[in-house]
Amino acid sequence: DYFGFRTLFSMANKHYHCDAKVLIDAEITRIKPNVVSEFFAHNTV
């Protein structure tokens, strides 16, 4: 699953509305777009 992108790509409030807490020990990939518009343009699928 992907998560956390709705707030990141929001046009208005870019502050998380929730805590994201690990419930079962996790391995996570954190993804930071260089420029959001370029990220969308080069990752259409």
ModelCIF file with pLDDT and N, C-alpha, C, O atoms, coordinates in Angstrom:
data_MODEL
#
_entry.id   MODEL 
#
_entity.id                         1 
_entity.type                       polymer 
_entity.pdbx_number_of_molecules   1 
#
_entity_poly.entity_id                      1 
_entity_poly.type                           'polypeptide(L)' 
_entity_poly.nstd_linkage                   no 
_entity_poly.nstd_monomer                   no 
_entity_poly.pdbx_seq_one_letter_code       DYFGFRTLFSMANKHYHCDAKVLIDAEITRIKPNVVSEFFAHNTV 
_entity_poly.pdbx_seq_one_letter_code_can   DYFGFRTLFSMANKHYHCDAKVLIDAEITRIKPNVVSEFFAHNTV 
_entity_poly.pdbx_strand_id                 A 
#
loop_
_entity_poly_seq.entity_id 
_entity_poly_seq.num 
_entity_poly_seq.mon_id 
_entity_poly_seq.hetero 
1 1  ASP n 
1 2  TYR n 
1 3  PHE n 
1 4  GLY n 
1 5  PHE n 
1 6  ARG n 
1 7  THR n 
1 8  LEU n 
1 9  PHE n 
1 10 SER n 
1 11 MET n 
1 12 ALA n 
1 13 ASN n 
1 14 LYS n 
1 15 HIS n 
1 16 TYR n 
1 17 HIS n 
1 18 CYS n 
1 19 ASP n 
1 20 ALA n 
1 21 LYS n 
1 22 VAL n 
1 23 LEU n 
1 24 ILE n 
1 25 ASP n 
1 26 ALA n 
1 27 GLU n 
1 28 ILE n 
1 29 THR n 
1 30 ARG n 
1 31 ILE n 
1 32 LYS n 
1 33 PRO n 
1 34 ASN n 
1 35 VAL n 
1 36 VAL n 
1 37 SER n 
1 38 GLU n 
1 39 PHE n 
1 40 PHE n 
1 41 ALA n 
1 42 HIS n 
1 43 ASN n 
1 44 THR n 
1 45 VAL n 
#
_struct_asym.id          A 
_struct_asym.entity_id   1 
#
loop_
_ma_qa_metric.id 
_ma_qa_metric.mode 
_ma_qa_metric.name 
_ma_qa_metric.software_group_id 
_ma_qa_metric.type 
1 global pLDDT . pLDDT 
2 local  pLDDT . pLDDT 
#
_ma_qa_metric_global.metric_id      1 
_ma_qa_metric_global.metric_value   93.24 
_ma_qa_metric_global.model_id       1 
_ma_qa_metric_global.ordinal_id     1 
#
loop_
_ma_qa_metric_local.label_asym_id 
_ma_qa_metric_local.label_comp_id 
_ma_qa_metric_local.label_seq_id 
_ma_qa_metric_local.metric_id 
_ma_qa_metric_local.metric_value 
_ma_qa_metric_local.model_id 
_ma_qa_metric_local.ordinal_id 
A ASP 1  2 95.00 1 1  
A TYR 2  2 96.00 1 2  
A PHE 3  2 96.00 1 3  
A GLY 4  2 93.00 1 4  
A PHE 5  2 93.00 1 5  
A ARG 6  2 90.00 1 6  
A THR 7  2 90.00 1 7  
A LEU 8  2 90.00 1 8  
A PHE 9  2 90.00 1 9  
A SER 10 2 85.00 1 10 
A MET 11 2 76.00 1 11 
A ALA 12 2 80.00 1 12 
A ASN 13 2 80.00 1 13 
A LYS 14 2 87.00 1 14 
A HIS 15 2 92.00 1 15 
A TYR 16 2 94.00 1 16 
A HIS 17 2 93.00 1 17 
A CYS 18 2 95.00 1 18 
A ASP 19 2 97.00 1 19 
A ALA 20 2 97.00 1 20 
A LYS 21 2 97.00 1 21 
A VAL 22 2 97.00 1 22 
A LEU 23 2 96.00 1 23 
A ILE 24 2 96.00 1 24 
A ASP 25 2 97.00 1 25 
A ALA 26 2 97.00 1 26 
A GLU 27 2 98.00 1 27 
A ILE 28 2 98.00 1 28 
A THR 29 2 98.00 1 29 
A ARG 30 2 97.00 1 30 
A ILE 31 2 97.00 1 31 
A LYS 32 2 96.00 1 32 
A PRO 33 2 96.00 1 33 
A ASN 34 2 95.00 1 34 
A VAL 35 2 93.00 1 35 
A VAL 36 2 91.00 1 36 
A SER 37 2 91.00 1 37 
A GLU 38 2 95.00 1 38 
A PHE 39 2 95.00 1 39 
A PHE 40 2 93.00 1 40 
A ALA 41 2 94.00 1 41 
A HIS 42 2 96.00 1 42 
A ASN 43 2 96.00 1 43 
A THR 44 2 94.00 1 44 
A VAL 45 2 94.00 1 45 
#
loop_
_atom_site.group_PDB 
_atom_site.id 
_atom_site.type_symbol 
_atom_site.label_atom_id 
_atom_site.label_alt_id 
_atom_site.label_comp_id 
_atom_site.label_asym_id 
_atom_site.label_entity_id 
_atom_site.label_seq_id 
_atom_site.pdbx_PDB_ins_code 
_atom_site.Cartn_x 
_atom_site.Cartn_y 
_atom_site.Cartn_z 
_atom_site.occupancy 
_atom_site.B_iso_or_equiv 
_atom_site.pdbx_formal_charge 
_atom_site.auth_seq_id 
_atom_site.auth_comp_id 
_atom_site.auth_asym_id 
_atom_site.auth_atom_id 
_atom_site.pdbx_PDB_model_num 
ATOM 1   N N  . ASP A 1 1  ? 0.815  -1.210 0.000   1.00 95.00 ? 1  ASP A N  1 
ATOM 2   C CA . ASP A 1 1  ? 0.000  0.000  0.000   1.00 95.00 ? 1  ASP A CA 1 
ATOM 3   C C  . ASP A 1 1  ? 0.854  1.267  0.000   1.00 95.00 ? 1  ASP A C  1 
ATOM 4   O O  . ASP A 1 1  ? 1.908  1.327  0.634   1.00 95.00 ? 1  ASP A O  1 
ATOM 5   N N  . TYR A 1 2  ? 0.373  2.277  -0.726  1.00 96.00 ? 2  TYR A N  1 
ATOM 6   C CA . TYR A 1 2  ? 0.940  3.627  -0.656  1.00 96.00 ? 2  TYR A CA 1 
ATOM 7   C C  . TYR A 1 2  ? 0.049  4.463  0.254   1.00 96.00 ? 2  TYR A C  1 
ATOM 8   O O  . TYR A 1 2  ? -1.164 4.260  0.289   1.00 96.00 ? 2  TYR A O  1 
ATOM 9   N N  . PHE A 1 3  ? 0.642  5.403  0.994   1.00 96.00 ? 3  PHE A N  1 
ATOM 10  C CA . PHE A 1 3  ? -0.153 6.302  1.817   1.00 96.00 ? 3  PHE A CA 1 
ATOM 11  C C  . PHE A 1 3  ? 0.613  7.601  2.058   1.00 96.00 ? 3  PHE A C  1 
ATOM 12  O O  . PHE A 1 3  ? 1.818  7.689  1.822   1.00 96.00 ? 3  PHE A O  1 
ATOM 13  N N  . GLY A 1 4  ? -0.124 8.608  2.535   1.00 93.00 ? 4  GLY A N  1 
ATOM 14  C CA . GLY A 1 4  ? 0.482  9.898  2.822   1.00 93.00 ? 4  GLY A CA 1 
ATOM 15  C C  . GLY A 1 4  ? 0.547  10.838 1.640   1.00 93.00 ? 4  GLY A C  1 
ATOM 16  O O  . GLY A 1 4  ? 1.004  11.972 1.785   1.00 93.00 ? 4  GLY A O  1 
ATOM 17  N N  . PHE A 1 5  ? 0.100  10.400 0.466   1.00 93.00 ? 5  PHE A N  1 
ATOM 18  C CA . PHE A 1 5  ? 0.237  11.226 -0.736  1.00 93.00 ? 5  PHE A CA 1 
ATOM 19  C C  . PHE A 1 5  ? -0.905 12.228 -0.897  1.00 93.00 ? 5  PHE A C  1 
ATOM 20  O O  . PHE A 1 5  ? -0.734 13.245 -1.569  1.00 93.00 ? 5  PHE A O  1 
ATOM 21  N N  . ARG A 1 6  ? -2.058 11.965 -0.300  1.00 90.00 ? 6  ARG A N  1 
ATOM 22  C CA . ARG A 1 6  ? -3.183 12.888 -0.447  1.00 90.00 ? 6  ARG A CA 1 
ATOM 23  C C  . ARG A 1 6  ? -2.827 14.263 0.118   1.00 90.00 ? 6  ARG A C  1 
ATOM 24  O O  . ARG A 1 6  ? -3.107 15.284 -0.510  1.00 90.00 ? 6  ARG A O  1 
ATOM 25  N N  . THR A 1 7  ? -2.210 14.290 1.300   1.00 90.00 ? 7  THR A N  1 
ATOM 26  C CA . THR A 1 7  ? -1.813 15.566 1.898   1.00 90.00 ? 7  THR A CA 1 
ATOM 27  C C  . THR A 1 7  ? -0.681 16.210 1.102   1.00 90.00 ? 7  THR A C  1 
ATOM 28  O O  . THR A 1 7  ? -0.687 17.420 0.874   1.00 90.00 ? 7  THR A O  1 
ATOM 29  N N  . LEU A 1 8  ? 0.290  15.399 0.681   1.00 90.00 ? 8  LEU A N  1 
ATOM 30  C CA . LEU A 1 8  ? 1.430  15.916 -0.065  1.00 90.00 ? 8  LEU A CA 1 
ATOM 31  C C  . LEU A 1 8  ? 0.996  16.596 -1.353  1.00 90.00 ? 8  LEU A C  1 
ATOM 32  O O  . LEU A 1 8  ? 1.517  17.656 -1.699  1.00 90.00 ? 8  LEU A O  1 
ATOM 33  N N  . PHE A 1 9  ? 0.046  15.996 -2.067  1.00 90.00 ? 9  PHE A N  1 
ATOM 34  C CA . PHE A 1 9  ? -0.358 16.511 -3.367  1.00 90.00 ? 9  PHE A CA 1 
ATOM 35  C C  . PHE A 1 9  ? -1.554 17.465 -3.279  1.00 90.00 ? 9  PHE A C  1 
ATOM 36  O O  . PHE A 1 9  ? -2.090 17.889 -4.303  1.00 90.00 ? 9  PHE A O  1 
ATOM 37  N N  . SER A 1 10 ? -1.962 17.796 -2.069  1.00 85.00 ? 10 SER A N  1 
ATOM 38  C CA . SER A 1 10 ? -3.087 18.716 -1.887  1.00 85.00 ? 10 SER A CA 1 
ATOM 39  C C  . SER A 1 10 ? -2.724 20.111 -2.391  1.00 85.00 ? 10 SER A C  1 
ATOM 40  O O  . SER A 1 10 ? -1.575 20.538 -2.287  1.00 85.00 ? 10 SER A O  1 
ATOM 41  N N  . MET A 1 11 ? -3.714 20.814 -2.935  1.00 76.00 ? 11 MET A N  1 
ATOM 42  C CA . MET A 1 11 ? -3.492 22.169 -3.406  1.00 76.00 ? 11 MET A CA 1 
ATOM 43  C C  . MET A 1 11 ? -3.662 23.186 -2.282  1.00 76.00 ? 11 MET A C  1 
ATOM 44  O O  . MET A 1 11 ? -3.300 24.353 -2.432  1.00 76.00 ? 11 MET A O  1 
ATOM 45  N N  . ALA A 1 12 ? -4.212 22.739 -1.157  1.00 80.00 ? 12 ALA A N  1 
ATOM 46  C CA . ALA A 1 12 ? -4.484 23.667 -0.064  1.00 80.00 ? 12 ALA A CA 1 
ATOM 47  C C  . ALA A 1 12 ? -3.670 23.306 1.173   1.00 80.00 ? 12 ALA A C  1 
ATOM 48  O O  . ALA A 1 12 ? -2.489 23.638 1.269   1.00 80.00 ? 12 ALA A O  1 
ATOM 49  N N  . ASN A 1 13 ? -4.312 22.625 2.115   1.00 80.00 ? 13 ASN A N  1 
ATOM 50  C CA . ASN A 1 13 ? -3.664 22.302 3.390   1.00 80.00 ? 13 ASN A CA 1 
ATOM 51  C C  . ASN A 1 13 ? -2.684 21.145 3.212   1.00 80.00 ? 13 ASN A C  1 
ATOM 52  O O  . ASN A 1 13 ? -3.089 20.025 2.902   1.00 80.00 ? 13 ASN A O  1 
ATOM 53  N N  . LYS A 1 14 ? -1.403 21.418 3.409   1.00 87.00 ? 14 LYS A N  1 
ATOM 54  C CA . LYS A 1 14 ? -0.384 20.384 3.264   1.00 87.00 ? 14 LYS A CA 1 
ATOM 55  C C  . LYS A 1 14 ? 0.119  19.897 4.630   1.00 87.00 ? 14 LYS A C  1 
ATOM 56  O O  . LYS A 1 14 ? 1.287  19.539 4.786   1.00 87.00 ? 14 LYS A O  1 
ATOM 57  N N  . HIS A 1 15 ? -0.779 19.893 5.602   1.00 92.00 ? 15 HIS A N  1 
ATOM 58  C CA . HIS A 1 15 ? -0.434 19.379 6.922   1.00 92.00 ? 15 HIS A CA 1 
ATOM 59  C C  . HIS A 1 15 ? -1.210 18.077 7.148   1.00 92.00 ? 15 HIS A C  1 
ATOM 60  O O  . HIS A 1 15 ? -2.412 18.006 6.890   1.00 92.00 ? 15 HIS A O  1 
ATOM 61  N N  . TYR A 1 16 ? -0.512 17.064 7.626   1.00 94.00 ? 16 TYR A N  1 
ATOM 62  C CA . TYR A 1 16 ? -1.153 15.763 7.843   1.00 94.00 ? 16 TYR A CA 1 
ATOM 63  C C  . TYR A 1 16 ? -2.311 15.882 8.837   1.00 94.00 ? 16 TYR A C  1 
ATOM 64  O O  . TYR A 1 16 ? -2.191 16.535 9.874   1.00 94.00 ? 16 TYR A O  1 
ATOM 65  N N  . HIS A 1 17 ? -3.414 15.250 8.506   1.00 93.00 ? 17 HIS A N  1 
ATOM 66  C CA . HIS A 1 17 ? -4.594 15.300 9.376   1.00 93.00 ? 17 HIS A CA 1 
ATOM 67  C C  . HIS A 1 17 ? -4.636 14.120 10.341  1.00 93.00 ? 17 HIS A C  1 
ATOM 68  O O  . HIS A 1 17 ? -5.559 14.010 11.147  1.00 93.00 ? 17 HIS A O  1 
ATOM 69  N N  . CYS A 1 18 ? -3.633 13.232 10.263  1.00 95.00 ? 18 CYS A N  1 
ATOM 70  C CA . CYS A 1 18 ? -3.597 12.052 11.129  1.00 95.00 ? 18 CYS A CA 1 
ATOM 71  C C  . CYS A 1 18 ? -2.166 11.750 11.561  1.00 95.00 ? 18 CYS A C  1 
ATOM 72  O O  . CYS A 1 18 ? -1.205 12.246 10.973  1.00 95.00 ? 18 CYS A O  1 
ATOM 73  N N  . ASP A 1 19 ? -2.046 10.928 12.595  1.00 97.00 ? 19 ASP A N  1 
ATOM 74  C CA . ASP A 1 19 ? -0.779 10.296 12.938  1.00 97.00 ? 19 ASP A CA 1 
ATOM 75  C C  . ASP A 1 19 ? -0.671 9.006  12.131  1.00 97.00 ? 19 ASP A C  1 
ATOM 76  O O  . ASP A 1 19 ? -1.655 8.281  11.985  1.00 97.00 ? 19 ASP A O  1 
ATOM 77  N N  . ALA A 1 20 ? 0.515  8.718  11.609  1.00 97.00 ? 20 ALA A N  1 
ATOM 78  C CA . ALA A 1 20 ? 0.765  7.429  10.951  1.00 97.00 ? 20 ALA A CA 1 
ATOM 79  C C  . ALA A 1 20 ? 1.633  6.614  11.894  1.00 97.00 ? 20 ALA A C  1 
ATOM 80  O O  . ALA A 1 20 ? 2.811  6.914  12.085  1.00 97.00 ? 20 ALA A O  1 
ATOM 81  N N  . LYS A 1 21 ? 1.041  5.577  12.482  1.00 97.00 ? 21 LYS A N  1 
ATOM 82  C CA . LYS A 1 21 ? 1.718  4.809  13.533  1.00 97.00 ? 21 LYS A CA 1 
ATOM 83  C C  . LYS A 1 21 ? 1.868  3.344  13.135  1.00 97.00 ? 21 LYS A C  1 
ATOM 84  O O  . LYS A 1 21 ? 0.937  2.734  12.608  1.00 97.00 ? 21 LYS A O  1 
ATOM 85  N N  . VAL A 1 22 ? 3.029  2.796  13.390  1.00 97.00 ? 22 VAL A N  1 
ATOM 86  C CA . VAL A 1 22 ? 3.303  1.390  13.086  1.00 97.00 ? 22 VAL A CA 1 
ATOM 87  C C  . VAL A 1 22 ? 2.584  0.501  14.099  1.00 97.00 ? 22 VAL A C  1 
ATOM 88  O O  . VAL A 1 22 ? 2.747  0.669  15.307  1.00 97.00 ? 22 VAL A O  1 
ATOM 89  N N  . LEU A 1 23 ? 1.786  -0.450 13.597  1.00 96.00 ? 23 LEU A N  1 
ATOM 90  C CA . LEU A 1 23 ? 1.070  -1.391 14.458  1.00 96.00 ? 23 LEU A CA 1 
ATOM 91  C C  . LEU A 1 23 ? 1.740  -2.759 14.503  1.00 96.00 ? 23 LEU A C  1 
ATOM 92  O O  . LEU A 1 23 ? 1.712  -3.446 15.524  1.00 96.00 ? 23 LEU A O  1 
ATOM 93  N N  . ILE A 1 24 ? 2.341  -3.142 13.381  1.00 96.00 ? 24 ILE A N  1 
ATOM 94  C CA . ILE A 1 24 ? 3.160  -4.352 13.323  1.00 96.00 ? 24 ILE A CA 1 
ATOM 95  C C  . ILE A 1 24 ? 4.508  -3.935 12.743  1.00 96.00 ? 24 ILE A C  1 
ATOM 96  O O  . ILE A 1 24 ? 4.557  -3.207 11.752  1.00 96.00 ? 24 ILE A O  1 
ATOM 97  N N  . ASP A 1 25 ? 5.598  -4.388 13.348  1.00 97.00 ? 25 ASP A N  1 
ATOM 98  C CA . ASP A 1 25 ? 6.949  -3.999 12.917  1.00 97.00 ? 25 ASP A CA 1 
ATOM 99  C C  . ASP A 1 25 ? 7.006  -3.910 11.400  1.00 97.00 ? 25 ASP A C  1 
ATOM 100 O O  . ASP A 1 25 ? 6.576  -4.822 10.694  1.00 97.00 ? 25 ASP A O  1 
ATOM 101 N N  . ALA A 1 26 ? 7.548  -2.791 10.907  1.00 97.00 ? 26 ALA A N  1 
ATOM 102 C CA . ALA A 1 26 ? 7.389  -2.480 9.487   1.00 97.00 ? 26 ALA A CA 1 
ATOM 103 C C  . ALA A 1 26 ? 8.698  -2.178 8.769   1.00 97.00 ? 26 ALA A C  1 
ATOM 104 O O  . ALA A 1 26 ? 9.695  -1.780 9.371   1.00 97.00 ? 26 ALA A O  1 
ATOM 105 N N  . GLU A 1 27 ? 8.651  -2.385 7.452   1.00 98.00 ? 27 GLU A N  1 
ATOM 106 C CA . GLU A 1 27 ? 9.676  -1.955 6.515   1.00 98.00 ? 27 GLU A CA 1 
ATOM 107 C C  . GLU A 1 27 ? 8.977  -0.983 5.565   1.00 98.00 ? 27 GLU A C  1 
ATOM 108 O O  . GLU A 1 27 ? 8.013  -1.347 4.892   1.00 98.00 ? 27 GLU A O  1 
ATOM 109 N N  . ILE A 1 28 ? 9.467  0.245  5.516   1.00 98.00 ? 28 ILE A N  1 
ATOM 110 C CA . ILE A 1 28 ? 8.787  1.305  4.776   1.00 98.00 ? 28 ILE A CA 1 
ATOM 111 C C  . ILE A 1 28 ? 9.750  1.981  3.797   1.00 98.00 ? 28 ILE A C  1 
ATOM 112 O O  . ILE A 1 28 ? 10.924 2.183  4.107   1.00 98.00 ? 28 ILE A O  1 
ATOM 113 N N  . THR A 1 29 ? 9.239  2.327  2.618   1.00 98.00 ? 29 THR A N  1 
ATOM 114 C CA . THR A 1 29 ? 9.985  3.161  1.675   1.00 98.00 ? 29 THR A CA 1 
ATOM 115 C C  . THR A 1 29 ? 9.383  4.561  1.704   1.00 98.00 ? 29 THR A C  1 
ATOM 116 O O  . THR A 1 29 ? 8.187  4.737  1.471   1.00 98.00 ? 29 THR A O  1 
ATOM 117 N N  . ARG A 1 30 ? 10.213 5.547  1.990   1.00 97.00 ? 30 ARG A N  1 
ATOM 118 C CA . ARG A 1 30 ? 9.768  6.945  1.980   1.00 97.00 ? 30 ARG A CA 1 
ATOM 119 C C  . ARG A 1 30 ? 10.139 7.557  0.632   1.00 97.00 ? 30 ARG A C  1 
ATOM 120 O O  . ARG A 1 30 ? 11.284 7.455  0.194   1.00 97.00 ? 30 ARG A O  1 
ATOM 121 N N  . ILE A 1 31 ? 9.168  8.193  -0.024  1.00 97.00 ? 31 ILE A N  1 
ATOM 122 C CA . ILE A 1 31 ? 9.336  8.714  -1.382  1.00 97.00 ? 31 ILE A CA 1 
ATOM 123 C C  . ILE A 1 31 ? 9.158  10.223 -1.370  1.00 97.00 ? 31 ILE A C  1 
ATOM 124 O O  . ILE A 1 31 ? 8.114  10.729 -0.958  1.00 97.00 ? 31 ILE A O  1 
ATOM 125 N N  . LYS A 1 32 ? 10.179 10.940 -1.823  1.00 96.00 ? 32 LYS A N  1 
ATOM 126 C CA . LYS A 1 32 ? 10.120 12.401 -1.850  1.00 96.00 ? 32 LYS A CA 1 
ATOM 127 C C  . LYS A 1 32 ? 10.269 12.901 -3.278  1.00 96.00 ? 32 LYS A C  1 
ATOM 128 O O  . LYS A 1 32 ? 11.368 12.854 -3.830  1.00 96.00 ? 32 LYS A O  1 
ATOM 129 N N  . PRO A 1 33 ? 9.180  13.384 -3.896  1.00 96.00 ? 33 PRO A N  1 
ATOM 130 C CA . PRO A 1 33 ? 9.281  13.930 -5.258  1.00 96.00 ? 33 PRO A CA 1 
ATOM 131 C C  . PRO A 1 33 ? 10.219 15.140 -5.291  1.00 96.00 ? 33 PRO A C  1 
ATOM 132 O O  . PRO A 1 33 ? 10.196 15.970 -4.383  1.00 96.00 ? 33 PRO A O  1 
ATOM 133 N N  . ASN A 1 34 ? 11.029 15.235 -6.320  1.00 95.00 ? 34 ASN A N  1 
ATOM 134 C CA . ASN A 1 34 ? 11.903 16.400 -6.458  1.00 95.00 ? 34 ASN A CA 1 
ATOM 135 C C  . ASN A 1 34 ? 11.072 17.654 -6.686  1.00 95.00 ? 34 ASN A C  1 
ATOM 136 O O  . ASN A 1 34 ? 11.216 18.648 -5.975  1.00 95.00 ? 34 ASN A O  1 
ATOM 137 N N  . VAL A 1 35 ? 10.208 17.594 -7.680  1.00 93.00 ? 35 VAL A N  1 
ATOM 138 C CA . VAL A 1 35 ? 9.230  18.648 -7.958  1.00 93.00 ? 35 VAL A CA 1 
ATOM 139 C C  . VAL A 1 35 ? 7.926  17.928 -8.276  1.00 93.00 ? 35 VAL A C  1 
ATOM 140 O O  . VAL A 1 35 ? 7.893  17.063 -9.151  1.00 93.00 ? 35 VAL A O  1 
ATOM 141 N N  . VAL A 1 36 ? 6.859  18.277 -7.576  1.00 91.00 ? 36 VAL A N  1 
ATOM 142 C CA . VAL A 1 36 ? 5.605  17.536 -7.711  1.00 91.00 ? 36 VAL A CA 1 
ATOM 143 C C  . VAL A 1 36 ? 5.117  17.513 -9.162  1.00 91.00 ? 36 VAL A C  1 
ATOM 144 O O  . VAL A 1 36 ? 4.724  16.455 -9.655  1.00 91.00 ? 36 VAL A O  1 
ATOM 145 N N  . SER A 1 37 ? 5.132  18.641 -9.846  1.00 91.00 ? 37 SER A N  1 
ATOM 146 C CA . SER A 1 37 ? 4.635  18.700 -11.222 1.00 91.00 ? 37 SER A CA 1 
ATOM 147 C C  . SER A 1 37 ? 5.453  17.799 -12.151 1.00 91.00 ? 37 SER A C  1 
ATOM 148 O O  . SER A 1 37 ? 4.899  17.151 -13.039 1.00 91.00 ? 37 SER A O  1 
ATOM 149 N N  . GLU A 1 38 ? 6.770  17.762 -11.944 1.00 95.00 ? 38 GLU A N  1 
ATOM 150 C CA . GLU A 1 38 ? 7.619  16.897 -12.752 1.00 95.00 ? 38 GLU A CA 1 
ATOM 151 C C  . GLU A 1 38 ? 7.400  15.423 -12.396 1.00 95.00 ? 38 GLU A C  1 
ATOM 152 O O  . GLU A 1 38 ? 7.455  14.554 -13.266 1.00 95.00 ? 38 GLU A O  1 
ATOM 153 N N  . PHE A 1 39 ? 7.153  15.154 -11.127 1.00 95.00 ? 39 PHE A N  1 
ATOM 154 C CA . PHE A 1 39 ? 6.872  13.776 -10.708 1.00 95.00 ? 39 PHE A CA 1 
ATOM 155 C C  . PHE A 1 39 ? 5.648  13.245 -11.432 1.00 95.00 ? 39 PHE A C  1 
ATOM 156 O O  . PHE A 1 39 ? 5.672  12.130 -11.954 1.00 95.00 ? 39 PHE A O  1 
ATOM 157 N N  . PHE A 1 40 ? 4.566  14.037 -11.470 1.00 93.00 ? 40 PHE A N  1 
ATOM 158 C CA . PHE A 1 40 ? 3.351  13.622 -12.167 1.00 93.00 ? 40 PHE A CA 1 
ATOM 159 C C  . PHE A 1 40 ? 3.602  13.465 -13.667 1.00 93.00 ? 40 PHE A C  1 
ATOM 160 O O  . PHE A 1 40 ? 3.125  12.511 -14.281 1.00 93.00 ? 40 PHE A O  1 
ATOM 161 N N  . ALA A 1 41 ? 4.345  14.392 -14.250 1.00 94.00 ? 41 ALA A N  1 
ATOM 162 C CA . ALA A 1 41 ? 4.573  14.378 -15.695 1.00 94.00 ? 41 ALA A CA 1 
ATOM 163 C C  . ALA A 1 41 ? 5.366  13.158 -16.145 1.00 94.00 ? 41 ALA A C  1 
ATOM 164 O O  . ALA A 1 41 ? 5.155  12.659 -17.250 1.00 94.00 ? 41 ALA A O  1 
ATOM 165 N N  . HIS A 1 42 ? 6.278  12.672 -15.303 1.00 96.00 ? 42 HIS A N  1 
ATOM 166 C CA . HIS A 1 42 ? 7.140  11.556 -15.684 1.00 96.00 ? 42 HIS A CA 1 
ATOM 167 C C  . HIS A 1 42 ? 6.695  10.213 -15.081 1.00 96.00 ? 42 HIS A C  1 
ATOM 168 O O  . HIS A 1 42 ? 7.333  9.185  -15.311 1.00 96.00 ? 42 HIS A O  1 
ATOM 169 N N  . ASN A 1 43 ? 5.619  10.227 -14.324 1.00 96.00 ? 43 ASN A N  1 
ATOM 170 C CA . ASN A 1 43 ? 5.097  8.988  -13.730 1.00 96.00 ? 43 ASN A CA 1 
ATOM 171 C C  . ASN A 1 43 ? 3.585  8.927  -13.943 1.00 96.00 ? 43 ASN A C  1 
ATOM 172 O O  . ASN A 1 43 ? 2.806  8.874  -12.991 1.00 96.00 ? 43 ASN A O  1 
ATOM 173 N N  . THR A 1 44 ? 3.195  8.938  -15.216 1.00 94.00 ? 44 THR A N  1 
ATOM 174 C CA . THR A 1 44 ? 1.770  9.037  -15.542 1.00 94.00 ? 44 THR A CA 1 
ATOM 175 C C  . THR A 1 44 ? 0.969  7.819  -15.089 1.00 94.00 ? 44 THR A C  1 
ATOM 176 O O  . THR A 1 44 ? -0.165 7.957  -14.630 1.00 94.00 ? 44 THR A O  1 
ATOM 177 N N  . VAL A 1 45 ? 1.547  6.643  -15.216 1.00 94.00 ? 45 VAL A N  1 
ATOM 178 C CA . VAL A 1 45 ? 0.825  5.432  -14.788 1.00 94.00 ? 45 VAL A CA 1 
ATOM 179 C C  . VAL A 1 45 ? 0.650  5.442  -13.277 1.00 94.00 ? 45 VAL A C  1 
ATOM 180 O O  . VAL A 1 45 ? 0.068  4.512  -12.717 1.00 94.00 ? 45 VAL A O  1 
#
